[in-house]
Amino acid sequence: MIYTLLIVVAGIITLIGIILFSSKNNRKSGKTIFSFGLLLLIFSIAVNFTSGNSTKESNDKEERISKETVTTVKDGKVTERSTITAQQYNKINIGDSKKKVKEVLGKVTEDSKTQNSIEDIWIYSGRDQGLAYISFSRETNKVVQKQETGLLEGNSNTITTQEGTVNKDDWSKQIENISKQKASRSDKYEKLKGVIENFSGQEQEVKEFEDYIVNQYASGKYIKDIKDDQYMLTNIFKSSIVNTYYKDTTKEPMASFSYSFLLNSKDVYLEINKPDSTSVKAEENEMKKQLENIRK
C-alpha cells in the first residue's frame, strides 16, 4: 500500500516537472523536479515489484506447506493427513470459521475428520512433529477449542479455549474452564470425557483420588449440590480415573466403590436420577458395604 502511494506521488512530481519544463521561465527548475520525480518513480516501481514478489513467494510457500500431506499406517489402516507448521497453528483463534481454518491450515483430509456428540474435529499433523486438533461447535461451525501435542515444542501438550491456554496435564484448570462455559450439563460432561481420556497421572495421584472420593462420600455431600458444576465434574473425573485404574481388578473393593460413586455422581448431575431415587440408594448401600472392606 505504501509503495503504491509512493508511485502516485512520484508520478505527480514528474508531471509537475514536465509542466514547469515547458515554460521558458521555469525550465531549469522544471528539469530538476522532473529528474527527481522520474528517479523516485523508478525507485518506487522497483521496490513495489520486489515487495510483491517476496509476498507472493511467502504466500506460495505457505500454500505449499498447507497442501503437503503425510501418510501413516497403523493396524493395517492407511491414513492421509495434511501437515501444518507451528506458525500456522498459532494463527487459529477461538471463534474462527471452518472457511478461515481451511485458508490458514489447508483443506483437511477425509481421514482426519472425526466428531463427538457436540463437536466436529479436524486433525492435522505437524510438518516436523506433533498433532493438532481443531474443534468446531456443531451449532455455529466456529472454533471452540484447539489442542496440540508436540507441535509447538517437542514436549508441548496444550489446549486452548475461550478461557485461555492451559497444559493438558493440568486437569484441575481444565475442569475449572469447562465449568465456567455457557453450556448444558450434558455438554460439559462430554467435554470432561476428553480430560479423562488425556489424563496420564502417576499412581500416587490415583491414590489421592481414592482418598478424595471416600471422604466426599463419607461427608454425605457428594451429590448434594448438583448446581456446583466444578465440584460435580471433579467428582466424576476423579472417580472415573480410579475406576479405570481398577478395571482389571474388579474384585478389589475400591473397584466397586469407585464405580458406584461415579454412577451416582454422573446420573444425579445429568438429572438421570434424583438423589433419593431407589437406584441411587442401592449404589450407596453398595458403597457402604465396600467402604467397610476398604477400611479393614
C-alpha atoms as a PDB file:
ATOM      1  CA  MET A   1       0.000   0.000   0.000  1.00  0.00           C
ATOM      2  CA  ILE A   2       2.727   2.486   0.982  1.00  0.00           C
ATOM      3  CA  TYR A   3       4.721   1.747  -2.171  1.00  0.00           C
ATOM      4  CA  THR A   4       1.663   2.277  -4.365  1.00  0.00           C
ATOM      5  CA  LEU A   5       1.140   5.667  -2.722  1.00  0.00           C
ATOM      6  CA  LEU A   6       4.793   6.496  -3.331  1.00  0.00           C
ATOM      7  CA  ILE A   7       4.381   5.706  -7.045  1.00  0.00           C
ATOM      8  CA  VAL A   8       1.413   8.077  -7.249  1.00  0.00           C
ATOM      9  CA  VAL A   9       3.343  10.868  -5.514  1.00  0.00           C
ATOM     10  CA  ALA A  10       6.371  10.292  -7.797  1.00  0.00           C
ATOM     11  CA  GLY A  11       4.088  10.432 -10.831  1.00  0.00           C
ATOM     12  CA  ILE A  12       2.614  13.750  -9.714  1.00  0.00           C
ATOM     13  CA  ILE A  13       6.084  15.235  -9.096  1.00  0.00           C
ATOM     14  CA  THR A  14       7.223  14.074 -12.541  1.00  0.00           C
ATOM     15  CA  LEU A  15       4.140  15.624 -14.145  1.00  0.00           C
ATOM     16  CA  ILE A  16       4.762  18.937 -12.367  1.00  0.00           C
ATOM     17  CA  GLY A  17       8.355  18.857 -13.641  1.00  0.00           C
ATOM     18  CA  ILE A  18       7.142  18.374 -17.226  1.00  0.00           C
ATOM     19  CA  ILE A  19       4.718  21.295 -16.917  1.00  0.00           C
ATOM     20  CA  LEU A  20       7.395  23.612 -15.490  1.00  0.00           C
ATOM     21  CA  PHE A  21       9.939  22.433 -18.077  1.00  0.00           C
ATOM     22  CA  SER A  22       7.590  23.505 -20.886  1.00  0.00           C
ATOM     23  CA  SER A  23       7.745  27.077 -19.577  1.00  0.00           C
ATOM     24  CA  LYS A  24      10.829  29.093 -20.626  1.00  0.00           C
ATOM     25  CA  ASN A  25      10.959  30.928 -17.291  1.00  0.00           C
ATOM     26  CA  ASN A  26      10.878  27.718 -15.203  1.00  0.00           C
ATOM     27  CA  ARG A  27      12.745  25.342 -17.476  1.00  0.00           C
ATOM     28  CA  LYS A  28      15.729  24.890 -15.148  1.00  0.00           C
ATOM     29  CA  SER A  29      13.659  24.168 -12.014  1.00  0.00           C
ATOM     30  CA  GLY A  30      11.263  22.052 -14.109  1.00  0.00           C
ATOM     31  CA  LYS A  31      14.158  19.905 -15.315  1.00  0.00           C
ATOM     32  CA  THR A  32      15.352  19.384 -11.728  1.00  0.00           C
ATOM     33  CA  ILE A  33      11.872  18.466 -10.461  1.00  0.00           C
ATOM     34  CA  PHE A  34      11.269  16.203 -13.461  1.00  0.00           C
ATOM     35  CA  SER A  35      14.545  14.356 -12.887  1.00  0.00           C
ATOM     36  CA  PHE A  36      13.831  13.903  -9.183  1.00  0.00           C
ATOM     37  CA  GLY A  37      10.276  12.716  -9.850  1.00  0.00           C
ATOM     38  CA  LEU A  38      11.423  10.279 -12.522  1.00  0.00           C
ATOM     39  CA  LEU A  39      14.091   8.760 -10.263  1.00  0.00           C
ATOM     40  CA  LEU A  40      11.574   8.472  -7.419  1.00  0.00           C
ATOM     41  CA  LEU A  41       9.071   6.848  -9.771  1.00  0.00           C
ATOM     42  CA  ILE A  42      11.620   4.265 -10.999  1.00  0.00           C
ATOM     43  CA  PHE A  43      12.692   3.527  -7.424  1.00  0.00           C
ATOM     44  CA  SER A  44       9.078   3.137  -6.222  1.00  0.00           C
ATOM     45  CA  ILE A  45       8.152   0.775  -9.048  1.00  0.00           C
ATOM     46  CA  ALA A  46      11.241  -1.348  -8.439  1.00  0.00           C
ATOM     47  CA  VAL A  47      10.634  -1.622  -4.683  1.00  0.00           C
ATOM     48  CA  ASN A  48       6.939  -2.353  -5.190  1.00  0.00           C
ATOM     49  CA  PHE A  49       7.758  -5.127  -7.659  1.00  0.00           C
ATOM     50  CA  THR A  50      10.334  -6.684  -5.335  1.00  0.00           C
ATOM     51  CA  SER A  51       7.974  -6.487  -2.350  1.00  0.00           C
ATOM     52  CA  GLY A  52       5.157  -8.036  -4.359  1.00  0.00           C
ATOM     53  CA  ASN A  53       7.316 -10.948  -5.435  1.00  0.00           C
ATOM     54  CA  SER A  54       8.505 -11.505  -1.874  1.00  0.00           C
ATOM     55  CA  THR A  55       4.929 -11.564  -0.557  1.00  0.00           C
ATOM     56  CA  LYS A  56       3.845 -13.880  -3.351  1.00  0.00           C
ATOM     57  CA  GLU A  57       6.737 -16.249  -2.665  1.00  0.00           C
ATOM     58  CA  SER A  58       5.865 -16.255   1.031  1.00  0.00           C
ATOM     59  CA  ASN A  59       2.207 -16.961   0.296  1.00  0.00           C
ATOM     60  CA  ASP A  60       3.099 -19.634  -2.241  1.00  0.00           C
ATOM     61  CA  LYS A  61       5.435 -21.270   0.270  1.00  0.00           C
ATOM     62  CA  GLU A  62       2.760 -21.322   2.964  1.00  0.00           C
ATOM     63  CA  GLU A  63       0.226 -22.648   0.482  1.00  0.00           C
ATOM     64  CA  ARG A  64       2.624 -25.431  -0.484  1.00  0.00           C
ATOM     65  CA  ILE A  65       3.160 -26.272   3.171  1.00  0.00           C
ATOM     66  CA  SER A  66      -0.572 -26.450   3.875  1.00  0.00           C
ATOM     67  CA  LYS A  67      -1.112 -28.735   0.889  1.00  0.00           C
ATOM     68  CA  GLU A  68       1.562 -31.238   1.936  1.00  0.00           C
ATOM     69  CA  THR A  69       0.295 -34.482   3.404  1.00  0.00           C
ATOM     70  CA  VAL A  70       1.757 -37.309   5.418  1.00  0.00           C
ATOM     71  CA  THR A  71       0.641 -40.917   5.140  1.00  0.00           C
ATOM     72  CA  THR A  72       0.735 -43.292   8.100  1.00  0.00           C
ATOM     73  CA  VAL A  73      -0.188 -46.926   8.516  1.00  0.00           C
ATOM     74  CA  LYS A  74      -1.476 -48.189  11.870  1.00  0.00           C
ATOM     75  CA  ASP A  75      -3.107 -51.561  12.479  1.00  0.00           C
ATOM     76  CA  GLY A  76      -3.378 -52.040   8.731  1.00  0.00           C
ATOM     77  CA  LYS A  77      -5.253 -48.757   8.228  1.00  0.00           C
ATOM     78  CA  VAL A  78      -3.761 -46.140   5.915  1.00  0.00           C
ATOM     79  CA  THR A  79      -4.333 -42.523   7.000  1.00  0.00           C
ATOM     80  CA  GLU A  80      -3.501 -39.464   4.909  1.00  0.00           C
ATOM     81  CA  ARG A  81      -3.279 -36.216   6.865  1.00  0.00           C
ATOM     82  CA  SER A  82      -2.468 -32.611   5.906  1.00  0.00           C
ATOM     83  CA  THR A  83       0.602 -31.117   7.570  1.00  0.00           C
ATOM     84  CA  ILE A  84       0.944 -27.703   9.206  1.00  0.00           C
ATOM     85  CA  THR A  85       3.573 -25.627  10.978  1.00  0.00           C
ATOM     86  CA  ALA A  86       3.512 -24.192  14.492  1.00  0.00           C
ATOM     87  CA  GLN A  87       3.175 -20.721  12.923  1.00  0.00           C
ATOM     88  CA  GLN A  88       0.029 -21.784  11.083  1.00  0.00           C
ATOM     89  CA  TYR A  89      -1.434 -23.346  14.249  1.00  0.00           C
ATOM     90  CA  ASN A  90      -0.853 -20.128  16.203  1.00  0.00           C
ATOM     91  CA  LYS A  91      -2.887 -18.187  13.622  1.00  0.00           C
ATOM     92  CA  ILE A  92      -6.054 -20.090  14.512  1.00  0.00           C
ATOM     93  CA  ASN A  93      -8.250 -18.282  17.034  1.00  0.00           C
ATOM     94  CA  ILE A  94     -11.306 -19.299  19.016  1.00  0.00           C
ATOM     95  CA  GLY A  95     -14.352 -18.193  17.005  1.00  0.00           C
ATOM     96  CA  ASP A  96     -12.755 -18.712  13.574  1.00  0.00           C
ATOM     97  CA  SER A  97     -14.972 -20.255  10.905  1.00  0.00           C
ATOM     98  CA  LYS A  98     -14.265 -23.503   9.069  1.00  0.00           C
ATOM     99  CA  LYS A  99     -13.564 -21.419   5.973  1.00  0.00           C
ATOM    100  CA  LYS A 100     -10.929 -19.391   7.831  1.00  0.00           C
ATOM    101  CA  VAL A 101      -9.284 -22.551   9.185  1.00  0.00           C
ATOM    102  CA  LYS A 102      -9.087 -24.006   5.671  1.00  0.00           C
ATOM    103  CA  GLU A 103      -7.479 -20.786   4.426  1.00  0.00           C
ATOM    104  CA  VAL A 104      -4.820 -20.907   7.149  1.00  0.00           C
ATOM    105  CA  LEU A 105      -4.208 -24.631   7.583  1.00  0.00           C
ATOM    106  CA  GLY A 106      -5.307 -26.010   4.238  1.00  0.00           C
ATOM    107  CA  LYS A 107      -8.012 -28.492   3.391  1.00  0.00           C
ATOM    108  CA  VAL A 108      -8.460 -31.265   5.926  1.00  0.00           C
ATOM    109  CA  THR A 109      -8.431 -34.806   4.528  1.00  0.00           C
ATOM    110  CA  GLU A 110     -11.455 -37.048   4.989  1.00  0.00           C
ATOM    111  CA  ASP A 111      -9.289 -39.431   7.024  1.00  0.00           C
ATOM    112  CA  SER A 112      -8.704 -36.631   9.512  1.00  0.00           C
ATOM    113  CA  LYS A 113     -12.299 -35.682  10.268  1.00  0.00           C
ATOM    114  CA  THR A 114     -13.941 -37.021  13.411  1.00  0.00           C
ATOM    115  CA  GLN A 115     -16.586 -35.884  15.897  1.00  0.00           C
ATOM    116  CA  ASN A 116     -18.099 -36.326  19.308  1.00  0.00           C
ATOM    117  CA  SER A 117     -21.696 -35.678  20.323  1.00  0.00           C
ATOM    118  CA  ILE A 118     -21.328 -31.870  20.217  1.00  0.00           C
ATOM    119  CA  GLU A 119     -18.283 -31.044  18.060  1.00  0.00           C
ATOM    120  CA  ASP A 120     -16.694 -31.667  14.682  1.00  0.00           C
ATOM    121  CA  ILE A 121     -12.944 -32.246  14.999  1.00  0.00           C
ATOM    122  CA  TRP A 122     -10.271 -31.762  12.337  1.00  0.00           C
ATOM    123  CA  ILE A 123      -6.861 -33.347  12.842  1.00  0.00           C
ATOM    124  CA  TYR A 124      -3.598 -32.108  11.306  1.00  0.00           C
ATOM    125  CA  SER A 125      -0.084 -33.484  11.544  1.00  0.00           C
ATOM    126  CA  GLY A 126       2.839 -31.213  12.383  1.00  0.00           C
ATOM    127  CA  ARG A 127       5.172 -30.690   9.446  1.00  0.00           C
ATOM    128  CA  ASP A 128       8.114 -31.746  11.588  1.00  0.00           C
ATOM    129  CA  GLN A 129       6.391 -33.373  14.572  1.00  0.00           C
ATOM    130  CA  GLY A 130       3.235 -33.490  16.660  1.00  0.00           C
ATOM    131  CA  LEU A 131      -0.508 -33.333  16.077  1.00  0.00           C
ATOM    132  CA  ALA A 132      -3.161 -30.598  16.195  1.00  0.00           C
ATOM    133  CA  TYR A 133      -6.891 -30.951  16.870  1.00  0.00           C
ATOM    134  CA  ILE A 134      -9.300 -28.166  15.882  1.00  0.00           C
ATOM    135  CA  SER A 135     -12.801 -28.498  17.382  1.00  0.00           C
ATOM    136  CA  PHE A 136     -15.861 -26.753  15.929  1.00  0.00           C
ATOM    137  CA  SER A 137     -19.238 -26.277  17.565  1.00  0.00           C
ATOM    138  CA  ARG A 138     -21.794 -28.198  15.534  1.00  0.00           C
ATOM    139  CA  GLU A 139     -24.295 -25.382  16.135  1.00  0.00           C
ATOM    140  CA  THR A 140     -22.167 -22.447  14.941  1.00  0.00           C
ATOM    141  CA  ASN A 141     -19.413 -24.142  12.881  1.00  0.00           C
ATOM    142  CA  LYS A 142     -16.934 -21.918  14.762  1.00  0.00           C
ATOM    143  CA  VAL A 143     -13.747 -22.971  16.555  1.00  0.00           C
ATOM    144  CA  VAL A 144     -14.437 -23.597  20.252  1.00  0.00           C
ATOM    145  CA  GLN A 145     -11.215 -25.393  21.105  1.00  0.00           C
ATOM    146  CA  LYS A 146      -7.806 -26.212  19.703  1.00  0.00           C
ATOM    147  CA  GLN A 147      -5.209 -28.534  21.161  1.00  0.00           C
ATOM    148  CA  GLU A 148      -1.782 -29.741  20.195  1.00  0.00           C
ATOM    149  CA  THR A 149       0.637 -32.428  21.242  1.00  0.00           C
ATOM    150  CA  GLY A 150       4.303 -31.947  20.386  1.00  0.00           C
ATOM    151  CA  LEU A 151       3.555 -29.387  17.654  1.00  0.00           C
ATOM    152  CA  LEU A 152       4.784 -26.186  19.306  1.00  0.00           C
ATOM    153  CA  GLU A 153       7.677 -27.935  21.073  1.00  0.00           C
ATOM    154  CA  GLY A 154       8.901 -31.474  21.494  1.00  0.00           C
ATOM    155  CA  ASN A 155       7.059 -31.986  24.788  1.00  0.00           C
ATOM    156  CA  SER A 156       4.273 -29.394  24.475  1.00  0.00           C
ATOM    157  CA  ASN A 157       0.778 -30.556  25.376  1.00  0.00           C
ATOM    158  CA  THR A 158      -1.663 -27.644  25.393  1.00  0.00           C
ATOM    159  CA  ILE A 159      -5.357 -26.975  24.996  1.00  0.00           C
ATOM    160  CA  THR A 160      -6.874 -23.570  24.124  1.00  0.00           C
ATOM    161  CA  THR A 161     -10.467 -22.488  24.752  1.00  0.00           C
ATOM    162  CA  GLN A 162     -12.215 -19.172  25.218  1.00  0.00           C
ATOM    163  CA  GLU A 163     -10.872 -19.153  28.775  1.00  0.00           C
ATOM    164  CA  GLY A 164      -7.249 -19.297  27.593  1.00  0.00           C
ATOM    165  CA  THR A 165      -4.475 -21.853  27.080  1.00  0.00           C
ATOM    166  CA  VAL A 166      -3.530 -24.466  29.668  1.00  0.00           C
ATOM    167  CA  ASN A 167      -1.340 -27.533  29.799  1.00  0.00           C
ATOM    168  CA  LYS A 168      -3.435 -30.645  29.114  1.00  0.00           C
ATOM    169  CA  ASP A 169      -1.780 -32.311  32.101  1.00  0.00           C
ATOM    170  CA  ASP A 170      -3.368 -29.629  34.312  1.00  0.00           C
ATOM    171  CA  TRP A 171      -6.715 -31.396  34.672  1.00  0.00           C
ATOM    172  CA  SER A 172      -7.842 -29.118  37.520  1.00  0.00           C
ATOM    173  CA  LYS A 173      -7.590 -25.979  35.384  1.00  0.00           C
ATOM    174  CA  GLN A 174      -9.343 -27.692  32.502  1.00  0.00           C
ATOM    175  CA  ILE A 175     -12.271 -28.673  34.718  1.00  0.00           C
ATOM    176  CA  GLU A 176     -12.452 -25.131  36.053  1.00  0.00           C
ATOM    177  CA  ASN A 177     -12.614 -23.786  32.491  1.00  0.00           C
ATOM    178  CA  ILE A 178     -15.283 -26.292  31.457  1.00  0.00           C
ATOM    179  CA  SER A 179     -17.417 -25.440  34.486  1.00  0.00           C
ATOM    180  CA  LYS A 180     -17.383 -21.740  33.528  1.00  0.00           C
ATOM    181  CA  GLN A 181     -18.577 -22.294  29.980  1.00  0.00           C
ATOM    182  CA  LYS A 182     -22.107 -21.361  28.984  1.00  0.00           C
ATOM    183  CA  ALA A 183     -23.183 -24.873  28.113  1.00  0.00           C
ATOM    184  CA  SER A 184     -25.608 -27.525  29.300  1.00  0.00           C
ATOM    185  CA  ARG A 185     -24.541 -30.098  31.868  1.00  0.00           C
ATOM    186  CA  SER A 186     -24.537 -32.821  29.228  1.00  0.00           C
ATOM    187  CA  ASP A 187     -22.241 -30.718  27.009  1.00  0.00           C
ATOM    188  CA  LYS A 188     -19.906 -30.074  29.938  1.00  0.00           C
ATOM    189  CA  TYR A 189     -19.852 -33.772  30.688  1.00  0.00           C
ATOM    190  CA  GLU A 190     -18.932 -34.509  27.058  1.00  0.00           C
ATOM    191  CA  LYS A 191     -16.018 -32.078  27.309  1.00  0.00           C
ATOM    192  CA  LEU A 192     -14.944 -33.684  30.577  1.00  0.00           C
ATOM    193  CA  LYS A 193     -14.584 -37.026  28.761  1.00  0.00           C
ATOM    194  CA  GLY A 194     -11.680 -35.542  26.823  1.00  0.00           C
ATOM    195  CA  VAL A 195      -9.932 -34.528  30.054  1.00  0.00           C
ATOM    196  CA  ILE A 196     -10.409 -38.047  31.410  1.00  0.00           C
ATOM    197  CA  GLU A 197      -9.020 -39.636  28.233  1.00  0.00           C
ATOM    198  CA  ASN A 198      -5.950 -37.373  28.272  1.00  0.00           C
ATOM    199  CA  PHE A 199      -5.118 -37.971  31.929  1.00  0.00           C
ATOM    200  CA  SER A 200      -1.714 -39.550  32.427  1.00  0.00           C
ATOM    201  CA  GLY A 201      -1.094 -39.142  36.153  1.00  0.00           C
ATOM    202  CA  GLN A 202       1.072 -41.271  38.405  1.00  0.00           C
ATOM    203  CA  GLU A 203      -0.087 -43.999  40.792  1.00  0.00           C
ATOM    204  CA  GLN A 204       0.342 -41.644  43.753  1.00  0.00           C
ATOM    205  CA  GLU A 205      -2.176 -39.214  42.255  1.00  0.00           C
ATOM    206  CA  VAL A 206      -4.687 -42.028  41.729  1.00  0.00           C
ATOM    207  CA  LYS A 207      -4.304 -42.956  45.418  1.00  0.00           C
ATOM    208  CA  GLU A 208      -5.031 -39.343  46.335  1.00  0.00           C
ATOM    209  CA  PHE A 209      -8.181 -39.520  44.217  1.00  0.00           C
ATOM    210  CA  GLU A 210      -9.221 -42.660  46.125  1.00  0.00           C
ATOM    211  CA  ASP A 211      -8.943 -40.830  49.456  1.00  0.00           C
ATOM    212  CA  TYR A 212     -10.853 -37.904  47.998  1.00  0.00           C
ATOM    213  CA  ILE A 213     -13.905 -39.859  46.800  1.00  0.00           C
ATOM    214  CA  VAL A 214     -14.050 -41.841  50.049  1.00  0.00           C
ATOM    215  CA  ASN A 215     -14.021 -38.614  52.065  1.00  0.00           C
ATOM    216  CA  GLN A 216     -16.660 -36.979  49.846  1.00  0.00           C
ATOM    217  CA  TYR A 217     -18.955 -39.973  50.214  1.00  0.00           C
ATOM    218  CA  ALA A 218     -18.386 -40.164  53.977  1.00  0.00           C
ATOM    219  CA  SER A 219     -19.218 -36.459  54.328  1.00  0.00           C
ATOM    220  CA  GLY A 220     -22.594 -37.095  52.683  1.00  0.00           C
ATOM    221  CA  LYS A 221     -22.307 -34.087  50.372  1.00  0.00           C
ATOM    222  CA  TYR A 222     -21.042 -35.684  47.149  1.00  0.00           C
ATOM    223  CA  ILE A 223     -24.427 -35.324  45.376  1.00  0.00           C
ATOM    224  CA  LYS A 224     -25.998 -32.597  47.494  1.00  0.00           C
ATOM    225  CA  ASP A 225     -25.283 -29.594  45.270  1.00  0.00           C
ATOM    226  CA  ILE A 226     -25.564 -30.537  41.606  1.00  0.00           C
ATOM    227  CA  LYS A 227     -25.552 -26.853  40.628  1.00  0.00           C
ATOM    228  CA  ASP A 228     -21.880 -26.627  41.579  1.00  0.00           C
ATOM    229  CA  ASP A 229     -20.511 -27.686  38.182  1.00  0.00           C
ATOM    230  CA  GLN A 230     -16.845 -27.607  39.136  1.00  0.00           C
ATOM    231  CA  TYR A 231     -17.375 -29.752  42.230  1.00  0.00           C
ATOM    232  CA  MET A 232     -19.560 -32.306  40.454  1.00  0.00           C
ATOM    233  CA  LEU A 233     -17.269 -32.525  37.409  1.00  0.00           C
ATOM    234  CA  THR A 234     -14.283 -33.002  39.726  1.00  0.00           C
ATOM    235  CA  ASN A 235     -16.085 -35.872  41.473  1.00  0.00           C
ATOM    236  CA  ILE A 236     -16.906 -37.505  38.134  1.00  0.00           C
ATOM    237  CA  PHE A 237     -13.356 -37.022  36.909  1.00  0.00           C
ATOM    238  CA  LYS A 238     -11.609 -38.461  39.968  1.00  0.00           C
ATOM    239  CA  SER A 239     -13.939 -41.431  40.330  1.00  0.00           C
ATOM    240  CA  SER A 240     -13.557 -42.181  36.593  1.00  0.00           C
ATOM    241  CA  ILE A 241      -9.777 -42.240  36.917  1.00  0.00           C
ATOM    242  CA  VAL A 242      -9.933 -44.515  39.975  1.00  0.00           C
ATOM    243  CA  ASN A 243     -12.449 -46.848  38.341  1.00  0.00           C
ATOM    244  CA  THR A 244     -10.319 -47.109  35.184  1.00  0.00           C
ATOM    245  CA  TYR A 245      -7.253 -47.854  37.319  1.00  0.00           C
ATOM    246  CA  TYR A 246      -9.040 -50.869  38.849  1.00  0.00           C
ATOM    247  CA  LYS A 247     -10.751 -52.068  35.656  1.00  0.00           C
ATOM    248  CA  ASP A 248      -8.739 -55.303  35.580  1.00  0.00           C
ATOM    249  CA  THR A 249      -9.128 -55.992  39.301  1.00  0.00           C
ATOM    250  CA  THR A 250     -12.907 -55.991  39.761  1.00  0.00           C
ATOM    251  CA  LYS A 251     -12.660 -57.947  42.999  1.00  0.00           C
ATOM    252  CA  GLU A 252     -10.932 -55.034  44.706  1.00  0.00           C
ATOM    253  CA  PRO A 253     -13.397 -53.190  46.992  1.00  0.00           C
ATOM    254  CA  MET A 254     -12.206 -49.859  45.573  1.00  0.00           C
ATOM    255  CA  ALA A 255     -13.209 -51.002  42.065  1.00  0.00           C
ATOM    256  CA  SER A 256     -16.809 -51.481  43.148  1.00  0.00           C
ATOM    257  CA  PHE A 257     -16.810 -48.389  45.385  1.00  0.00           C
ATOM    258  CA  SER A 258     -15.480 -46.071  42.662  1.00  0.00           C
ATOM    259  CA  TYR A 259     -17.959 -47.471  40.122  1.00  0.00           C
ATOM    260  CA  SER A 260     -20.947 -46.748  42.397  1.00  0.00           C
ATOM    261  CA  PHE A 261     -19.589 -43.311  43.285  1.00  0.00           C
ATOM    262  CA  LEU A 262     -19.105 -42.496  39.603  1.00  0.00           C
ATOM    263  CA  LEU A 263     -22.528 -43.801  38.582  1.00  0.00           C
ATOM    264  CA  ASN A 264     -24.359 -41.792  41.228  1.00  0.00           C
ATOM    265  CA  SER A 265     -22.329 -38.618  40.621  1.00  0.00           C
ATOM    266  CA  LYS A 266     -22.878 -38.767  36.864  1.00  0.00           C
ATOM    267  CA  ASP A 267     -26.559 -39.754  36.922  1.00  0.00           C
ATOM    268  CA  VAL A 268     -27.521 -37.163  39.534  1.00  0.00           C
ATOM    269  CA  TYR A 269     -25.504 -34.408  37.830  1.00  0.00           C
ATOM    270  CA  LEU A 270     -27.126 -35.168  34.469  1.00  0.00           C
ATOM    271  CA  GLU A 271     -30.504 -35.469  36.244  1.00  0.00           C
ATOM    272  CA  ILE A 272     -30.983 -39.040  35.086  1.00  0.00           C
ATOM    273  CA  ASN A 273     -31.757 -39.974  38.705  1.00  0.00           C
ATOM    274  CA  LYS A 274     -32.651 -37.971  41.797  1.00  0.00           C
ATOM    275  CA  PRO A 275     -30.531 -38.183  44.958  1.00  0.00           C
ATOM    276  CA  ASP A 276     -33.304 -40.044  46.803  1.00  0.00           C
ATOM    277  CA  SER A 277     -34.129 -42.464  43.990  1.00  0.00           C
ATOM    278  CA  THR A 278     -34.119 -46.216  44.520  1.00  0.00           C
ATOM    279  CA  SER A 279     -31.180 -46.795  42.161  1.00  0.00           C
ATOM    280  CA  VAL A 280     -29.045 -44.127  43.866  1.00  0.00           C
ATOM    281  CA  LYS A 281     -29.814 -45.584  47.292  1.00  0.00           C
ATOM    282  CA  ALA A 282     -28.890 -49.062  46.050  1.00  0.00           C
ATOM    283  CA  GLU A 283     -25.470 -47.816  44.892  1.00  0.00           C
ATOM    284  CA  GLU A 284     -24.957 -46.054  48.216  1.00  0.00           C
ATOM    285  CA  ASN A 285     -25.653 -49.299  50.050  1.00  0.00           C
ATOM    286  CA  GLU A 286     -23.016 -50.941  47.863  1.00  0.00           C
ATOM    287  CA  MET A 287     -20.536 -48.140  48.679  1.00  0.00           C
ATOM    288  CA  LYS A 288     -21.249 -48.527  52.388  1.00  0.00           C
ATOM    289  CA  LYS A 289     -20.525 -52.262  52.188  1.00  0.00           C
ATOM    290  CA  GLN A 290     -17.327 -51.788  50.170  1.00  0.00           C
ATOM    291  CA  LEU A 291     -16.121 -48.991  52.428  1.00  0.00           C
ATOM    292  CA  GLU A 292     -16.088 -51.423  55.321  1.00  0.00           C
ATOM    293  CA  ASN A 293     -13.850 -53.724  53.267  1.00  0.00           C
ATOM    294  CA  ILE A 294     -11.573 -50.829  52.262  1.00  0.00           C
ATOM    295  CA  ARG A 295     -11.044 -49.833  55.903  1.00  0.00           C
ATOM    296  CA  LYS A 296     -10.189 -53.314  57.111  1.00  0.00           C
END
